[in-house]
Protein backbone atom coordinates (compact mmCIF):
# COMPACT_ATOMS: atom_id res chain seq x y z
CA MET A 1 -25.82 62.82 3.22
CA PRO A 2 -26.11 58.96 2.57
CA THR A 3 -25.69 56.59 5.70
CA ASP A 4 -22.60 54.39 5.82
CA ARG A 5 -24.66 51.33 4.68
CA ILE A 6 -26.13 53.09 1.75
CA ARG A 7 -22.53 54.56 0.90
CA LYS A 8 -21.16 50.90 0.90
CA SER A 9 -24.06 49.75 -1.30
CA LEU A 10 -23.51 52.48 -3.77
CA ILE A 11 -19.67 51.39 -3.93
CA ALA A 12 -20.66 47.69 -4.26
CA GLN A 13 -22.96 48.50 -7.18
CA SER A 14 -20.61 51.18 -9.04
CA ASP A 15 -19.25 48.44 -11.24
CA GLY A 16 -22.65 48.17 -13.25
CA PHE A 17 -23.84 44.67 -11.80
CA PRO A 18 -21.19 42.39 -13.36
CA ARG A 19 -22.99 39.27 -12.16
CA LEU A 20 -26.20 39.91 -14.52
CA THR A 21 -26.86 37.34 -16.93
CA ARG A 22 -27.45 38.26 -20.51
CA ARG A 23 -31.30 37.96 -20.09
CA GLU A 24 -31.42 40.00 -16.93
CA ARG A 25 -29.26 42.72 -18.55
CA HIS A 26 -31.95 42.60 -21.31
CA PHE A 27 -34.62 43.54 -19.00
CA ILE A 28 -32.77 46.51 -17.53
CA ASP A 29 -31.77 47.78 -20.95
CA ARG A 30 -35.30 47.39 -22.29
CA LEU A 31 -37.32 48.80 -19.37
CA ARG A 32 -35.79 52.25 -18.96
CA THR A 33 -38.67 54.37 -17.48
CA PRO A 34 -41.26 53.84 -14.89
CA LEU A 35 -44.08 53.53 -17.35
CA ALA A 36 -42.33 50.71 -19.28
CA VAL A 37 -41.63 48.74 -16.00
CA GLN A 38 -45.21 49.26 -14.99
CA ARG A 39 -46.47 48.17 -18.49
CA TYR A 40 -44.24 45.13 -18.17
CA LEU A 41 -45.48 44.17 -14.73
CA ASN A 42 -49.11 44.52 -15.90
CA HIS A 43 -48.42 41.61 -18.25
CA MET A 44 -46.57 39.49 -15.83
CA PRO A 45 -48.85 36.90 -13.87
CA TYR A 46 -49.44 37.62 -10.26
CA ASN A 47 -47.60 35.20 -7.98
CA GLU A 48 -50.15 33.33 -6.27
CA GLU A 49 -47.57 31.43 -4.28
CA PRO A 50 -48.99 27.98 -5.20
CA GLY A 51 -49.01 25.01 -2.65
CA GLY A 52 -48.88 27.57 0.13
CA ARG A 53 -45.27 28.19 -0.19
CA ALA A 54 -44.51 31.91 0.50
CA THR A 55 -41.88 33.54 -1.49
CA LEU A 56 -39.87 36.93 -1.60
CA ARG A 57 -37.74 36.46 -4.54
CA SER A 58 -35.12 38.90 -5.86
CA PHE A 59 -34.98 40.53 -9.32
CA ARG A 60 -32.99 37.31 -10.33
CA GLY A 61 -35.71 35.05 -9.11
CA ILE A 62 -38.60 37.10 -10.64
CA VAL A 63 -36.99 37.11 -13.90
CA ARG A 64 -36.42 33.28 -13.79
CA HIS A 65 -40.01 32.42 -12.48
CA GLY A 66 -41.81 35.08 -14.47
CA CYS A 67 -44.15 36.22 -11.99
CA ALA A 68 -44.51 38.60 -8.88
CA HIS A 69 -46.64 39.56 -5.97
CA CYS A 70 -46.62 43.25 -4.85
CA LEU A 71 -43.30 43.21 -2.88
CA GLU A 72 -41.51 41.22 -5.40
CA ALA A 73 -42.97 43.67 -8.05
CA ALA A 74 -41.47 46.49 -6.01
CA VAL A 75 -38.15 44.71 -5.77
CA PHE A 76 -38.24 44.06 -9.46
CA ALA A 77 -38.97 47.79 -10.33
CA ALA A 78 -36.32 48.90 -7.79
CA VAL A 79 -33.55 46.87 -9.43
CA VAL A 80 -34.34 47.81 -13.02
CA LEU A 81 -34.82 51.54 -12.28
CA GLU A 82 -31.81 51.95 -10.01
CA GLN A 83 -29.74 51.26 -13.16
CA HIS A 84 -31.39 54.29 -14.73
CA ARG A 85 -30.61 56.57 -11.73
CA TYR A 86 -33.88 56.13 -9.72
CA PRO A 87 -33.18 55.64 -6.03
CA PRO A 88 -34.60 52.13 -4.89
CA LEU A 89 -37.39 53.64 -2.78
CA VAL A 90 -40.39 51.61 -1.68
CA LEU A 91 -43.65 52.82 0.10
CA SER A 92 -44.83 50.43 2.62
CA SER A 93 -48.61 50.70 3.72
CA GLU A 94 -49.48 49.34 7.06
CA SER A 95 -52.80 47.84 7.50
CA THR A 96 -54.91 46.76 10.63
CA ASP A 97 -55.06 43.17 9.30
CA ARG A 98 -51.29 42.95 8.86
CA LEU A 99 -51.69 42.33 5.00
CA ASP A 100 -49.47 45.31 4.13
CA HIS A 101 -49.05 46.45 0.61
CA VAL A 102 -45.66 47.53 -0.78
CA VAL A 103 -45.04 49.60 -4.08
CA PHE A 104 -42.02 51.31 -5.71
CA VAL A 105 -41.91 55.06 -5.62
CA TYR A 106 -40.13 57.46 -7.70
CA GLN A 107 -40.00 61.33 -8.48
CA GLN A 108 -40.44 62.87 -11.81
CA HIS A 109 -40.30 66.89 -12.07
CA GLY A 110 -40.58 67.07 -8.14
CA LEU A 111 -43.82 65.02 -8.20
CA TRP A 112 -44.32 61.51 -6.77
CA GLY A 113 -45.69 58.46 -8.54
CA SER A 114 -45.50 54.66 -7.95
CA ILE A 115 -45.15 51.28 -9.66
CA ALA A 116 -47.17 48.32 -8.29
CA ARG A 117 -48.70 44.98 -8.82
CA SER A 118 -51.79 43.78 -7.06
CA ARG A 119 -54.79 41.36 -7.15
CA ASP A 120 -56.96 44.41 -6.70
CA PRO A 121 -57.12 47.07 -9.33
CA GLY A 122 -57.25 50.08 -6.95
CA LEU A 123 -53.71 49.06 -5.53
CA HIS A 124 -51.67 49.34 -8.63
CA GLY A 125 -49.59 52.21 -9.75
CA ARG A 126 -50.22 55.82 -9.65
CA ARG A 127 -49.11 58.57 -12.11
CA PRO A 128 -46.37 61.09 -10.96
CA VAL A 129 -48.86 63.88 -9.85
CA PHE A 130 -48.52 63.74 -6.06
CA THR A 131 -46.65 66.55 -4.23
CA THR A 132 -45.63 64.46 -1.31
CA PRO A 133 -45.18 60.67 -0.40
CA ARG A 134 -48.08 61.14 2.09
CA SER A 135 -50.54 62.39 -0.49
CA LEU A 136 -49.57 59.34 -2.57
CA ALA A 137 -50.04 56.95 0.31
CA LEU A 138 -53.56 58.60 1.02
CA SER A 139 -54.80 57.68 -2.68
CA TYR A 140 -54.42 53.94 -1.57
CA VAL A 141 -56.51 54.24 1.43
CA ASP A 142 -60.02 54.00 -0.11
CA PRO A 143 -59.24 51.10 -2.38
CA TYR A 144 -57.57 49.28 0.45
CA ILE A 145 -60.70 48.84 2.52
CA ASP A 146 -62.30 45.47 2.03
CA PHE A 147 -63.59 43.10 4.55
CA THR A 148 -60.78 43.69 6.97
CA GLY A 149 -58.14 46.12 5.39
CA ARG A 150 -57.60 49.44 6.47
CA ILE A 151 -54.48 51.49 6.14
CA ILE A 152 -53.06 53.03 9.36
CA GLY A 153 -49.52 54.10 8.50
CA TYR A 154 -46.97 54.40 5.71
CA ALA A 155 -43.15 54.65 5.33
CA VAL A 156 -40.82 55.41 2.43
CA VAL A 157 -37.91 53.36 2.82
CA ASP A 158 -34.61 53.16 0.72
CA LEU A 159 -33.59 49.59 0.11
CA ARG A 160 -29.92 50.68 0.28
CA MET A 161 -30.36 50.77 3.89
CA LEU A 162 -29.69 46.99 3.66
CA GLY A 163 -26.11 47.65 2.90
CA ASP A 164 -24.20 44.69 1.42
CA TYR A 165 -27.37 42.38 1.89
CA ASP A 166 -27.76 40.75 -1.61
CA TRP A 167 -31.55 41.73 -2.03
CA ARG A 168 -30.90 42.45 -5.81
CA LEU A 169 -29.53 39.28 -7.13
CA ALA A 170 -29.92 36.58 -4.53
CA GLU A 171 -30.68 33.03 -5.55
CA THR A 172 -32.68 32.54 -2.35
CA ASN A 173 -35.75 34.25 -0.69
CA ILE A 174 -34.84 37.83 0.66
CA TRP A 175 -36.96 37.71 3.86
CA LYS A 176 -34.82 40.35 5.34
CA VAL A 177 -36.28 42.83 3.12
CA GLU A 178 -39.76 42.02 4.54
CA ARG A 179 -38.50 42.12 8.06
CA MET A 180 -36.86 45.54 7.65
CA LEU A 181 -40.14 46.98 6.29
CA LEU A 182 -42.09 45.45 9.15
CA GLU A 183 -39.87 46.97 11.74
CA HIS A 184 -39.46 50.47 10.07
CA PRO A 185 -41.31 53.27 11.82
CA HIS A 186 -44.47 54.13 10.03
CA ARG A 187 -46.05 57.63 10.05
CA ARG A 188 -49.86 57.51 11.03
CA ILE A 189 -52.59 57.77 8.62
CA ARG A 190 -55.87 58.58 10.50
CA THR A 191 -59.34 58.13 8.83
CA SER A 192 -62.60 58.38 10.54
CA ASN A 193 -64.26 55.30 11.70
CA GLN A 194 -67.39 56.52 10.05
CA ARG A 195 -66.04 56.79 6.79
CA VAL A 196 -64.36 53.38 7.08
CA ARG A 197 -67.79 51.91 7.92
CA GLU A 198 -69.30 53.42 4.99
CA LEU A 199 -66.74 52.28 2.56
CA ARG A 200 -66.74 48.74 4.12
CA ARG A 201 -70.39 48.57 3.75
CA ARG A 202 -70.28 49.65 0.11
CA TYR A 203 -67.70 46.93 -0.58
CA ARG A 204 -69.72 44.23 1.08
CA ILE A 205 -72.81 45.32 -0.91
CA PHE A 206 -70.69 45.23 -4.04
CA LYS A 207 -69.22 41.75 -3.25
CA ARG A 208 -72.58 40.33 -2.55
CA ARG A 209 -73.87 41.39 -6.10
CA PHE A 210 -70.70 40.62 -7.80
CA PRO A 211 -68.66 37.97 -5.89
CA ASP A 212 -66.22 37.37 -8.55
CA ARG A 213 -65.42 40.80 -9.43
CA LYS A 214 -63.23 43.62 -8.09
CA PRO A 215 -64.60 47.26 -7.42
CA MET A 216 -63.38 50.25 -9.52
CA TYR A 217 -65.74 52.79 -8.14
CA TYR A 218 -63.17 54.82 -6.47
CA LYS A 219 -62.46 58.63 -6.98
CA GLY A 220 -59.12 59.87 -8.40
CA ARG A 221 -59.06 57.09 -11.11
CA ASP A 222 -57.43 59.59 -13.38
CA ARG A 223 -54.29 59.49 -11.23
CA TRP A 224 -54.03 55.63 -11.58
CA THR A 225 -51.55 54.25 -14.03
CA GLU A 226 -52.64 51.82 -16.74
CA LEU A 227 -54.26 48.43 -15.36
CA PRO A 228 -53.50 45.01 -16.32
CA GLU A 229 -55.81 43.33 -19.13
CA GLU A 230 -57.49 41.20 -16.26
CA PHE A 231 -59.21 44.44 -15.03
CA ALA A 232 -59.86 45.94 -18.46
CA GLU A 233 -63.29 44.49 -18.71
CA LEU A 234 -64.44 45.66 -15.20
CA GLU A 235 -67.29 48.11 -15.22
CA LEU A 236 -67.59 50.75 -12.62
CA GLY A 237 -69.56 49.69 -9.42
CA ASN A 238 -72.40 51.74 -7.86
């Protein structure tokens, strides 16, 4: 059964988002499936937060500025697909270096997939082929390892837990979303230290050879969704 906060949120949104602008409604009407949303985000520039000014924009802010980082992309997907009967669920991956990654997650025919945007090809979306959220989270473990990153936990969070907080259409940054995800209990993911050392060593060797490229030598790439064009020319690393 939904909590009181989720129930209030569902009631608040039952009127079909009357505050949407025509442009915002166009995106929702046009992007009706997870694949359509992923393809759109693939063409959206990554939000590099120029000038060192951190942002966490709502769907409205993302449409207005035309770019998104990982959490903003998850929010964008959640707002669009909520209007097409997908619960606004996100998966938060907790890293030892505190550079966490957040993706939108959904189910199709009982299997889990994700929508994501990242500066790294291995952290984008996944096809709906995973039997559990945990198996989906595990698919991000290897691509997460770089000089400092290592996933140690994951959590699936329903953004409707925020109740009447306006994370969908706020004109300002929605930092409460980030705080909630950071404070939410995460389930542990354990990988052997030896495996992590081997993967980190491979990453360092790759970056010495190709300092301006991103590795794509990971197993399970058949379960990834389409990648942005910026990664289309990358060759497999060794």
